[in-house]
All heavy atoms as atom14 arrays in JSON, in Angstrom:
{
  "sequence": "DGRPQKAEFYSLSGRLLKTCRYEDYKRMAGTSRPTRLVMEDALKKGE",
  "atom14_mask": [
    [1, 1, 1, 1, 1, 1, 1, 1, 0, 0, 0, 0, 0, 0],
    [1, 1, 1, 1, 0, 0, 0, 0, 0, 0, 0, 0, 0, 0],
    [1, 1, 1, 1, 1, 1, 1, 1, 1, 1, 1, 0, 0, 0],
    [1, 1, 1, 1, 1, 1, 1, 0, 0, 0, 0, 0, 0, 0],
    [1, 1, 1, 1, 1, 1, 1, 1, 1, 0, 0, 0, 0, 0],
    [1, 1, 1, 1, 1, 1, 1, 1, 1, 0, 0, 0, 0, 0],
    [1, 1, 1, 1, 1, 0, 0, 0, 0, 0, 0, 0, 0, 0],
    [1, 1, 1, 1, 1, 1, 1, 1, 1, 0, 0, 0, 0, 0],
    [1, 1, 1, 1, 1, 1, 1, 1, 1, 1, 1, 0, 0, 0],
    [1, 1, 1, 1, 1, 1, 1, 1, 1, 1, 1, 1, 0, 0],
    [1, 1, 1, 1, 1, 1, 0, 0, 0, 0, 0, 0, 0, 0],
    [1, 1, 1, 1, 1, 1, 1, 1, 0, 0, 0, 0, 0, 0],
    [1, 1, 1, 1, 1, 1, 0, 0, 0, 0, 0, 0, 0, 0],
    [1, 1, 1, 1, 0, 0, 0, 0, 0, 0, 0, 0, 0, 0],
    [1, 1, 1, 1, 1, 1, 1, 1, 1, 1, 1, 0, 0, 0],
    [1, 1, 1, 1, 1, 1, 1, 1, 0, 0, 0, 0, 0, 0],
    [1, 1, 1, 1, 1, 1, 1, 1, 0, 0, 0, 0, 0, 0],
    [1, 1, 1, 1, 1, 1, 1, 1, 1, 0, 0, 0, 0, 0],
    [1, 1, 1, 1, 1, 1, 1, 0, 0, 0, 0, 0, 0, 0],
    [1, 1, 1, 1, 1, 1, 0, 0, 0, 0, 0, 0, 0, 0],
    [1, 1, 1, 1, 1, 1, 1, 1, 1, 1, 1, 0, 0, 0],
    [1, 1, 1, 1, 1, 1, 1, 1, 1, 1, 1, 1, 0, 0],
    [1, 1, 1, 1, 1, 1, 1, 1, 1, 0, 0, 0, 0, 0],
    [1, 1, 1, 1, 1, 1, 1, 1, 0, 0, 0, 0, 0, 0],
    [1, 1, 1, 1, 1, 1, 1, 1, 1, 1, 1, 1, 0, 0],
    [1, 1, 1, 1, 1, 1, 1, 1, 1, 0, 0, 0, 0, 0],
    [1, 1, 1, 1, 1, 1, 1, 1, 1, 1, 1, 0, 0, 0],
    [1, 1, 1, 1, 1, 1, 1, 1, 0, 0, 0, 0, 0, 0],
    [1, 1, 1, 1, 1, 0, 0, 0, 0, 0, 0, 0, 0, 0],
    [1, 1, 1, 1, 0, 0, 0, 0, 0, 0, 0, 0, 0, 0],
    [1, 1, 1, 1, 1, 1, 1, 0, 0, 0, 0, 0, 0, 0],
    [1, 1, 1, 1, 1, 1, 0, 0, 0, 0, 0, 0, 0, 0],
    [1, 1, 1, 1, 1, 1, 1, 1, 1, 1, 1, 0, 0, 0],
    [1, 1, 1, 1, 1, 1, 1, 0, 0, 0, 0, 0, 0, 0],
    [1, 1, 1, 1, 1, 1, 1, 0, 0, 0, 0, 0, 0, 0],
    [1, 1, 1, 1, 1, 1, 1, 1, 1, 1, 1, 0, 0, 0],
    [1, 1, 1, 1, 1, 1, 1, 1, 0, 0, 0, 0, 0, 0],
    [1, 1, 1, 1, 1, 1, 1, 0, 0, 0, 0, 0, 0, 0],
    [1, 1, 1, 1, 1, 1, 1, 1, 0, 0, 0, 0, 0, 0],
    [1, 1, 1, 1, 1, 1, 1, 1, 1, 0, 0, 0, 0, 0],
    [1, 1, 1, 1, 1, 1, 1, 1, 0, 0, 0, 0, 0, 0],
    [1, 1, 1, 1, 1, 0, 0, 0, 0, 0, 0, 0, 0, 0],
    [1, 1, 1, 1, 1, 1, 1, 1, 0, 0, 0, 0, 0, 0],
    [1, 1, 1, 1, 1, 1, 1, 1, 1, 0, 0, 0, 0, 0],
    [1, 1, 1, 1, 1, 1, 1, 1, 1, 0, 0, 0, 0, 0],
    [1, 1, 1, 1, 0, 0, 0, 0, 0, 0, 0, 0, 0, 0],
    [1, 1, 1, 1, 1, 1, 1, 1, 1, 0, 0, 0, 0, 0]
  ],
  "atom14_positions": [
    [[110.96, 132.19, 128.53], [111.7, 131.46, 129.57], [112.57, 132.34, 130.46], [113.31, 131.84, 131.32], [112.58, 130.36, 128.95], [113.47, 130.89, 127.83], [113.65, 132.13, 127.75], [114.0, 130.08, 127.05], [0.0, 0.0, 0.0], [0.0, 0.0, 0.0], [0.0, 0.0, 0.0], [0.0, 0.0, 0.0], [0.0, 0.0, 0.0], [0.0, 0.0, 0.0]],
    [[112.5, 133.66, 130.28], [113.22, 134.57, 131.18], [114.71, 134.67, 130.94], [115.45, 135.21, 131.76], [0.0, 0.0, 0.0], [0.0, 0.0, 0.0], [0.0, 0.0, 0.0], [0.0, 0.0, 0.0], [0.0, 0.0, 0.0], [0.0, 0.0, 0.0], [0.0, 0.0, 0.0], [0.0, 0.0, 0.0], [0.0, 0.0, 0.0], [0.0, 0.0, 0.0]],
    [[115.17, 134.16, 129.79], [116.61, 134.2, 129.51], [117.07, 135.61, 129.13], [116.48, 136.25, 128.25], [116.96, 133.29, 128.34], [117.01, 131.82, 128.66], [117.45, 131.03, 127.44], [117.62, 129.63, 127.75], [118.06, 128.73, 126.86], [118.4, 129.12, 125.64], [118.21, 127.47, 127.22], [0.0, 0.0, 0.0], [0.0, 0.0, 0.0], [0.0, 0.0, 0.0]],
    [[118.15, 136.1, 129.76], [118.72, 137.37, 129.28], [119.31, 137.2, 127.89], [119.9, 136.17, 127.59], [119.81, 137.68, 130.31], [120.11, 136.42, 131.02], [118.89, 135.56, 130.92], [0.0, 0.0, 0.0], [0.0, 0.0, 0.0], [0.0, 0.0, 0.0], [0.0, 0.0, 0.0], [0.0, 0.0, 0.0], [0.0, 0.0, 0.0], [0.0, 0.0, 0.0]],
    [[119.11, 138.21, 127.04], [119.58, 138.14, 125.66], [120.61, 139.23, 125.34], [121.6, 138.98, 124.66], [118.41, 138.26, 124.69], [117.42, 137.12, 124.8], [116.16, 137.44, 124.02], [115.42, 138.35, 124.36], [115.91, 136.69, 122.95], [0.0, 0.0, 0.0], [0.0, 0.0, 0.0], [0.0, 0.0, 0.0], [0.0, 0.0, 0.0], [0.0, 0.0, 0.0]],
    [[120.35, 140.42, 125.85], [121.22, 141.55, 125.49], [121.08, 142.63, 126.56], [120.03, 142.75, 127.2], [120.78, 142.11, 124.13], [121.55, 143.35, 123.66], [120.95, 143.85, 122.35], [121.46, 145.23, 122.0], [120.84, 145.78, 120.77], [0.0, 0.0, 0.0], [0.0, 0.0, 0.0], [0.0, 0.0, 0.0], [0.0, 0.0, 0.0], [0.0, 0.0, 0.0]],
    [[122.15, 143.4, 126.74], [122.1, 144.55, 127.64], [122.86, 145.71, 127.01], [123.86, 145.5, 126.32], [122.69, 144.22, 129.0], [0.0, 0.0, 0.0], [0.0, 0.0, 0.0], [0.0, 0.0, 0.0], [0.0, 0.0, 0.0], [0.0, 0.0, 0.0], [0.0, 0.0, 0.0], [0.0, 0.0, 0.0], [0.0, 0.0, 0.0], [0.0, 0.0, 0.0]],
    [[122.37, 146.91, 127.23], [123.08, 148.13, 126.86], [123.4, 148.87, 128.15], [122.51, 149.05, 128.98], [122.24, 149.02, 125.94], [121.96, 148.44, 124.58], [121.07, 149.34, 123.71], [120.43, 150.25, 124.27], [121.02, 149.1, 122.49], [0.0, 0.0, 0.0], [0.0, 0.0, 0.0], [0.0, 0.0, 0.0], [0.0, 0.0, 0.0], [0.0, 0.0, 0.0]],
    [[124.66, 149.32, 128.3], [125.09, 149.97, 129.52], [125.35, 151.45, 129.26], [126.06, 151.8, 128.32], [126.35, 149.3, 130.05], [126.17, 147.81, 130.35], [126.73, 146.87, 129.5], [125.44, 147.4, 131.42], [126.56, 145.51, 129.76], [125.27, 146.06, 131.69], [125.82, 145.1, 130.86], [0.0, 0.0, 0.0], [0.0, 0.0, 0.0], [0.0, 0.0, 0.0]],
    [[124.78, 152.3, 130.13], [124.84, 153.75, 129.91], [125.55, 154.46, 131.07], [125.5, 154.0, 132.22], [123.42, 154.32, 129.79], [122.73, 153.93, 128.5], [122.09, 152.69, 128.4], [122.73, 154.77, 127.4], [121.47, 152.31, 127.22], [122.09, 154.38, 126.2], [121.47, 153.17, 126.13], [120.84, 152.8, 124.96], [0.0, 0.0, 0.0], [0.0, 0.0, 0.0]],
    [[126.16, 155.61, 130.75], [126.82, 156.45, 131.76], [125.78, 157.35, 132.42], [124.61, 157.41, 132.01], [127.89, 157.31, 131.11], [127.27, 158.29, 130.28], [0.0, 0.0, 0.0], [0.0, 0.0, 0.0], [0.0, 0.0, 0.0], [0.0, 0.0, 0.0], [0.0, 0.0, 0.0], [0.0, 0.0, 0.0], [0.0, 0.0, 0.0], [0.0, 0.0, 0.0]],
    [[126.23, 158.08, 133.43], [125.36, 159.02, 134.15], [124.8, 160.09, 133.22], [123.68, 160.56, 133.37], [126.15, 159.65, 135.3], [125.36, 160.31, 136.42], [124.41, 159.33, 137.1], [126.31, 160.9, 137.46], [0.0, 0.0, 0.0], [0.0, 0.0, 0.0], [0.0, 0.0, 0.0], [0.0, 0.0, 0.0], [0.0, 0.0, 0.0], [0.0, 0.0, 0.0]],
    [[125.58, 160.48, 132.22], [125.14, 161.52, 131.27], [124.2, 160.98, 130.21], [123.71, 161.72, 129.35], [126.35, 162.15, 130.6], [127.01, 161.2, 129.77], [0.0, 0.0, 0.0], [0.0, 0.0, 0.0], [0.0, 0.0, 0.0], [0.0, 0.0, 0.0], [0.0, 0.0, 0.0], [0.0, 0.0, 0.0], [0.0, 0.0, 0.0], [0.0, 0.0, 0.0]],
    [[123.94, 159.65, 130.22], [123.03, 159.06, 129.26], [123.71, 158.53, 128.02], [123.06, 158.12, 127.06], [0.0, 0.0, 0.0], [0.0, 0.0, 0.0], [0.0, 0.0, 0.0], [0.0, 0.0, 0.0], [0.0, 0.0, 0.0], [0.0, 0.0, 0.0], [0.0, 0.0, 0.0], [0.0, 0.0, 0.0], [0.0, 0.0, 0.0], [0.0, 0.0, 0.0]],
    [[125.07, 158.52, 127.99], [125.81, 158.04, 126.82], [125.91, 156.53, 126.84], [126.2, 155.93, 127.89], [127.21, 158.66, 126.84], [128.04, 158.37, 125.61], [129.38, 159.06, 125.68], [130.19, 158.52, 126.78], [131.4, 158.95, 127.11], [131.92, 159.97, 126.45], [132.09, 158.41, 128.08], [0.0, 0.0, 0.0], [0.0, 0.0, 0.0], [0.0, 0.0, 0.0]],
    [[125.65, 155.88, 125.71], [125.81, 154.44, 125.6], [127.3, 154.1, 125.64], [128.08, 154.59, 124.82], [125.19, 153.94, 124.28], [125.36, 152.44, 123.99], [124.69, 151.58, 125.06], [124.79, 152.11, 122.61], [0.0, 0.0, 0.0], [0.0, 0.0, 0.0], [0.0, 0.0, 0.0], [0.0, 0.0, 0.0], [0.0, 0.0, 0.0], [0.0, 0.0, 0.0]],
    [[127.69, 153.27, 126.62], [129.1, 152.89, 126.8], [129.42, 151.62, 126.04], [130.43, 151.55, 125.34], [129.41, 152.69, 128.29], [129.19, 153.89, 129.19], [129.34, 153.48, 130.65], [130.2, 154.99, 128.85], [0.0, 0.0, 0.0], [0.0, 0.0, 0.0], [0.0, 0.0, 0.0], [0.0, 0.0, 0.0], [0.0, 0.0, 0.0], [0.0, 0.0, 0.0]],
    [[128.6, 150.59, 126.19], [128.88, 149.3, 125.55], [127.62, 148.45, 125.54], [126.64, 148.74, 126.25], [130.0, 148.58, 126.27], [129.7, 148.2, 127.7], [130.95, 147.68, 128.4], [130.68, 147.4, 129.86], [131.88, 147.22, 130.65], [0.0, 0.0, 0.0], [0.0, 0.0, 0.0], [0.0, 0.0, 0.0], [0.0, 0.0, 0.0], [0.0, 0.0, 0.0]],
    [[127.66, 147.42, 124.71], [126.57, 146.46, 124.66], [127.1, 145.08, 125.05], [128.3, 144.82, 124.95], [125.96, 146.37, 123.25], [126.97, 145.94, 122.35], [125.4, 147.7, 122.8], [0.0, 0.0, 0.0], [0.0, 0.0, 0.0], [0.0, 0.0, 0.0], [0.0, 0.0, 0.0], [0.0, 0.0, 0.0], [0.0, 0.0, 0.0], [0.0, 0.0, 0.0]],
    [[126.21, 144.23, 125.54], [126.58, 142.87, 125.89], [125.53, 141.92, 125.35], [124.33, 142.15, 125.51], [126.67, 142.74, 127.42], [127.0, 141.07, 128.0], [0.0, 0.0, 0.0], [0.0, 0.0, 0.0], [0.0, 0.0, 0.0], [0.0, 0.0, 0.0], [0.0, 0.0, 0.0], [0.0, 0.0, 0.0], [0.0, 0.0, 0.0], [0.0, 0.0, 0.0]],
    [[125.97, 140.84, 124.71], [125.06, 139.8, 124.23], [125.32, 138.52, 125.05], [126.48, 138.14, 125.26], [125.27, 139.53, 122.74], [125.01, 140.72, 121.86], [124.91, 140.31, 120.38], [126.02, 139.52, 119.91], [127.18, 140.02, 119.47], [127.36, 141.34, 119.45], [128.15, 139.23, 119.04], [0.0, 0.0, 0.0], [0.0, 0.0, 0.0], [0.0, 0.0, 0.0]],
    [[124.23, 137.89, 125.49], [124.32, 136.64, 126.28], [124.05, 135.48, 125.33], [122.97, 135.36, 124.77], [123.28, 136.67, 127.41], [123.48, 137.83, 128.36], [122.86, 139.06, 128.13], [124.28, 137.7, 129.5], [123.04, 140.13, 128.99], [124.47, 138.77, 130.37], [123.85, 139.98, 130.12], [124.04, 141.04, 130.96], [0.0, 0.0, 0.0], [0.0, 0.0, 0.0]],
    [[125.07, 134.63, 125.13], [125.0, 133.63, 124.07], [125.39, 132.24, 124.57], [125.88, 132.08, 125.7], [125.93, 134.03, 122.91], [125.61, 135.37, 122.29], [126.56, 135.76, 121.17], [127.64, 135.12, 121.04], [126.23, 136.7, 120.43], [0.0, 0.0, 0.0], [0.0, 0.0, 0.0], [0.0, 0.0, 0.0], [0.0, 0.0, 0.0], [0.0, 0.0, 0.0]],
    [[125.22, 131.26, 123.68], [125.74, 129.89, 123.86], [125.26, 129.29, 125.2], [126.06, 128.92, 126.06], [127.28, 129.92, 123.79], [127.83, 128.56, 123.41], [127.02, 127.67, 123.06], [129.06, 128.38, 123.48], [0.0, 0.0, 0.0], [0.0, 0.0, 0.0], [0.0, 0.0, 0.0], [0.0, 0.0, 0.0], [0.0, 0.0, 0.0], [0.0, 0.0, 0.0]],
    [[123.95, 129.2, 125.33], [123.39, 128.61, 126.57], [123.74, 127.12, 126.67], [123.56, 126.37, 125.71], [121.87, 128.8, 126.58], [121.45, 130.14, 127.13], [121.56, 131.3, 126.36], [120.96, 130.26, 128.42], [121.2, 132.52, 126.87], [120.6, 131.49, 128.95], [120.71, 132.61, 128.17], [120.36, 133.84, 128.68], [0.0, 0.0, 0.0], [0.0, 0.0, 0.0]],
    [[124.27, 126.74, 127.82], [124.6, 125.33, 128.09], [124.26, 125.01, 129.55], [124.15, 125.93, 130.37], [126.1, 125.07, 127.88], [126.55, 125.15, 126.43], [128.03, 124.92, 126.32], [128.49, 125.06, 124.87], [129.96, 125.04, 124.77], [0.0, 0.0, 0.0], [0.0, 0.0, 0.0], [0.0, 0.0, 0.0], [0.0, 0.0, 0.0], [0.0, 0.0, 0.0]],
    [[124.15, 123.73, 129.82], [123.81, 123.34, 131.2], [125.05, 123.46, 132.09], [126.06, 122.83, 131.85], [123.27, 121.91, 131.21], [122.6, 121.56, 132.53], [121.7, 120.33, 132.42], [121.01, 120.08, 133.67], [119.9, 120.67, 134.04], [119.33, 121.55, 133.25], [119.32, 120.41, 135.21], [0.0, 0.0, 0.0], [0.0, 0.0, 0.0], [0.0, 0.0, 0.0]],
    [[124.93, 124.28, 133.11], [126.0, 124.45, 134.11], [125.34, 124.62, 135.47], [124.36, 125.36, 135.58], [126.87, 125.69, 133.83], [127.81, 125.59, 132.67], [129.09, 126.91, 132.72], [128.11, 128.39, 132.8], [0.0, 0.0, 0.0], [0.0, 0.0, 0.0], [0.0, 0.0, 0.0], [0.0, 0.0, 0.0], [0.0, 0.0, 0.0], [0.0, 0.0, 0.0]],
    [[125.91, 123.96, 136.49], [125.4, 124.1, 137.85], [123.88, 123.99, 137.92], [123.19, 124.83, 138.48], [125.87, 125.42, 138.47], [0.0, 0.0, 0.0], [0.0, 0.0, 0.0], [0.0, 0.0, 0.0], [0.0, 0.0, 0.0], [0.0, 0.0, 0.0], [0.0, 0.0, 0.0], [0.0, 0.0, 0.0], [0.0, 0.0, 0.0], [0.0, 0.0, 0.0]],
    [[123.35, 122.93, 137.25], [121.97, 122.56, 137.43], [120.96, 123.14, 136.47], [119.78, 122.75, 136.51], [0.0, 0.0, 0.0], [0.0, 0.0, 0.0], [0.0, 0.0, 0.0], [0.0, 0.0, 0.0], [0.0, 0.0, 0.0], [0.0, 0.0, 0.0], [0.0, 0.0, 0.0], [0.0, 0.0, 0.0], [0.0, 0.0, 0.0], [0.0, 0.0, 0.0]],
    [[121.35, 124.11, 135.63], [120.36, 124.69, 134.71], [121.06, 125.23, 133.49], [122.3, 125.29, 133.43], [119.52, 125.77, 135.41], [118.36, 126.06, 134.6], [120.3, 127.05, 135.64], [0.0, 0.0, 0.0], [0.0, 0.0, 0.0], [0.0, 0.0, 0.0], [0.0, 0.0, 0.0], [0.0, 0.0, 0.0], [0.0, 0.0, 0.0], [0.0, 0.0, 0.0]],
    [[120.28, 125.65, 132.5], [120.85, 126.21, 131.26], [121.22, 127.68, 131.49], [120.36, 128.48, 131.89], [119.83, 126.08, 130.13], [120.37, 126.52, 128.93], [0.0, 0.0, 0.0], [0.0, 0.0, 0.0], [0.0, 0.0, 0.0], [0.0, 0.0, 0.0], [0.0, 0.0, 0.0], [0.0, 0.0, 0.0], [0.0, 0.0, 0.0], [0.0, 0.0, 0.0]],
    [[122.5, 128.0, 131.22], [122.99, 129.35, 131.5], [123.8, 129.86, 130.29], [124.38, 129.07, 129.56], [123.89, 129.36, 132.73], [123.26, 128.76, 133.99], [124.22, 128.83, 135.17], [123.73, 128.03, 136.3], [122.84, 128.44, 137.18], [122.32, 129.65, 137.08], [122.45, 127.65, 138.18], [0.0, 0.0, 0.0], [0.0, 0.0, 0.0], [0.0, 0.0, 0.0]],
    [[123.91, 131.19, 130.13], [124.76, 131.71, 129.05], [126.23, 131.46, 129.4], [126.67, 131.77, 130.49], [124.45, 133.22, 129.03], [123.93, 133.53, 130.39], [123.26, 132.28, 130.89], [0.0, 0.0, 0.0], [0.0, 0.0, 0.0], [0.0, 0.0, 0.0], [0.0, 0.0, 0.0], [0.0, 0.0, 0.0], [0.0, 0.0, 0.0], [0.0, 0.0, 0.0]],
    [[126.98, 130.87, 128.45], [128.39, 130.56, 128.72], [129.33, 131.48, 127.94], [130.54, 131.4, 128.06], [128.72, 129.1, 128.35], [128.52, 128.92, 126.95], [127.83, 128.13, 129.12], [0.0, 0.0, 0.0], [0.0, 0.0, 0.0], [0.0, 0.0, 0.0], [0.0, 0.0, 0.0], [0.0, 0.0, 0.0], [0.0, 0.0, 0.0], [0.0, 0.0, 0.0]],
    [[128.74, 132.35, 127.11], [129.56, 133.28, 126.31], [128.89, 134.65, 126.34], [127.71, 134.79, 125.99], [129.66, 132.74, 124.88], [130.34, 133.64, 123.88], [130.32, 132.96, 122.52], [130.31, 133.92, 121.44], [131.4, 134.27, 120.75], [132.55, 133.74, 121.04], [131.29, 135.14, 119.77], [0.0, 0.0, 0.0], [0.0, 0.0, 0.0], [0.0, 0.0, 0.0]],
    [[129.64, 135.65, 126.77], [129.16, 137.02, 126.76], [130.05, 137.82, 125.82], [131.28, 137.72, 125.9], [129.23, 137.65, 128.16], [128.01, 137.46, 129.08], [127.74, 135.99, 129.34], [128.24, 138.2, 130.39], [0.0, 0.0, 0.0], [0.0, 0.0, 0.0], [0.0, 0.0, 0.0], [0.0, 0.0, 0.0], [0.0, 0.0, 0.0], [0.0, 0.0, 0.0]],
    [[129.44, 138.59, 124.93], [130.2, 139.41, 123.98], [129.95, 140.86, 124.33], [128.84, 141.37, 124.2], [129.77, 139.12, 122.53], [130.6, 139.98, 121.55], [129.93, 137.64, 122.2], [0.0, 0.0, 0.0], [0.0, 0.0, 0.0], [0.0, 0.0, 0.0], [0.0, 0.0, 0.0], [0.0, 0.0, 0.0], [0.0, 0.0, 0.0], [0.0, 0.0, 0.0]],
    [[131.0, 141.54, 124.8], [130.91, 142.95, 125.2], [131.61, 143.81, 124.15], [132.77, 143.57, 123.83], [131.55, 143.17, 126.57], [130.76, 142.59, 127.69], [131.37, 143.16, 129.3], [130.01, 142.65, 130.35], [0.0, 0.0, 0.0], [0.0, 0.0, 0.0], [0.0, 0.0, 0.0], [0.0, 0.0, 0.0], [0.0, 0.0, 0.0], [0.0, 0.0, 0.0]],
    [[130.88, 144.8, 123.66], [131.4, 145.61, 122.55], [131.33, 147.08, 122.91], [130.28, 147.58, 123.35], [130.53, 145.33, 121.32], [131.18, 145.69, 120.02], [130.51, 145.02, 118.83], [129.68, 144.12, 119.01], [130.84, 145.42, 117.7], [0.0, 0.0, 0.0], [0.0, 0.0, 0.0], [0.0, 0.0, 0.0], [0.0, 0.0, 0.0], [0.0, 0.0, 0.0]],
    [[132.43, 147.78, 122.73], [132.51, 149.21, 123.01], [131.61, 149.96, 122.05], [131.67, 149.75, 120.83], [133.96, 149.69, 122.88], [134.18, 151.06, 123.47], [133.45, 152.01, 123.1], [135.09, 151.21, 124.31], [0.0, 0.0, 0.0], [0.0, 0.0, 0.0], [0.0, 0.0, 0.0], [0.0, 0.0, 0.0], [0.0, 0.0, 0.0], [0.0, 0.0, 0.0]],
    [[130.76, 150.83, 122.57], [129.84, 151.58, 121.71], [130.51, 152.79, 121.06], [130.0, 153.34, 120.1], [128.64, 152.04, 122.52], [0.0, 0.0, 0.0], [0.0, 0.0, 0.0], [0.0, 0.0, 0.0], [0.0, 0.0, 0.0], [0.0, 0.0, 0.0], [0.0, 0.0, 0.0], [0.0, 0.0, 0.0], [0.0, 0.0, 0.0], [0.0, 0.0, 0.0]],
    [[131.65, 153.19, 121.6], [132.33, 154.4, 121.13], [133.48, 154.11, 120.19], [133.77, 154.88, 119.29], [132.83, 155.22, 122.33], [131.78, 155.49, 123.42], [132.43, 156.07, 124.65], [130.71, 156.43, 122.89], [0.0, 0.0, 0.0], [0.0, 0.0, 0.0], [0.0, 0.0, 0.0], [0.0, 0.0, 0.0], [0.0, 0.0, 0.0], [0.0, 0.0, 0.0]],
    [[134.17, 152.96, 120.44], [135.35, 152.63, 119.62], [135.07, 151.35, 118.86], [135.04, 150.28, 119.45], [136.58, 152.45, 120.52], [136.95, 153.7, 121.29], [138.07, 153.41, 122.26], [138.31, 154.6, 123.16], [139.12, 154.23, 124.34], [0.0, 0.0, 0.0], [0.0, 0.0, 0.0], [0.0, 0.0, 0.0], [0.0, 0.0, 0.0], [0.0, 0.0, 0.0]],
    [[134.9, 151.47, 117.57], [134.55, 150.33, 116.71], [135.66, 149.27, 116.76], [136.83, 149.59, 116.7], [134.34, 150.81, 115.28], [133.65, 149.8, 114.39], [133.24, 150.44, 113.08], [132.7, 149.42, 112.1], [131.51, 148.72, 112.57], [0.0, 0.0, 0.0], [0.0, 0.0, 0.0], [0.0, 0.0, 0.0], [0.0, 0.0, 0.0], [0.0, 0.0, 0.0]],
    [[135.23, 148.02, 116.89], [136.2, 146.91, 116.84], [136.79, 146.54, 118.18], [137.56, 145.59, 118.27], [0.0, 0.0, 0.0], [0.0, 0.0, 0.0], [0.0, 0.0, 0.0], [0.0, 0.0, 0.0], [0.0, 0.0, 0.0], [0.0, 0.0, 0.0], [0.0, 0.0, 0.0], [0.0, 0.0, 0.0], [0.0, 0.0, 0.0], [0.0, 0.0, 0.0]],
    [[136.42, 147.28, 119.25], [136.95, 146.95, 120.58], [135.94, 146.01, 121.27], [134.84, 146.43, 121.63], [137.22, 148.21, 121.41], [138.21, 149.12, 120.74], [139.18, 149.78, 121.72], [138.92, 149.72, 122.94], [140.17, 150.37, 121.25], [0.0, 0.0, 0.0], [0.0, 0.0, 0.0], [0.0, 0.0, 0.0], [0.0, 0.0, 0.0], [0.0, 0.0, 0.0]]
  ]
}
């Protein structure tokens, strides 16, 4: 269905900066959309 699930974001040097999970799909503005994004620092645990 083309839903985004996860993204990893990288710096110019190729270092993983953080990850993002697209969660809790609900109907908003006419269609089902992710309503919760969880962004986690790849370098500092727990951030």
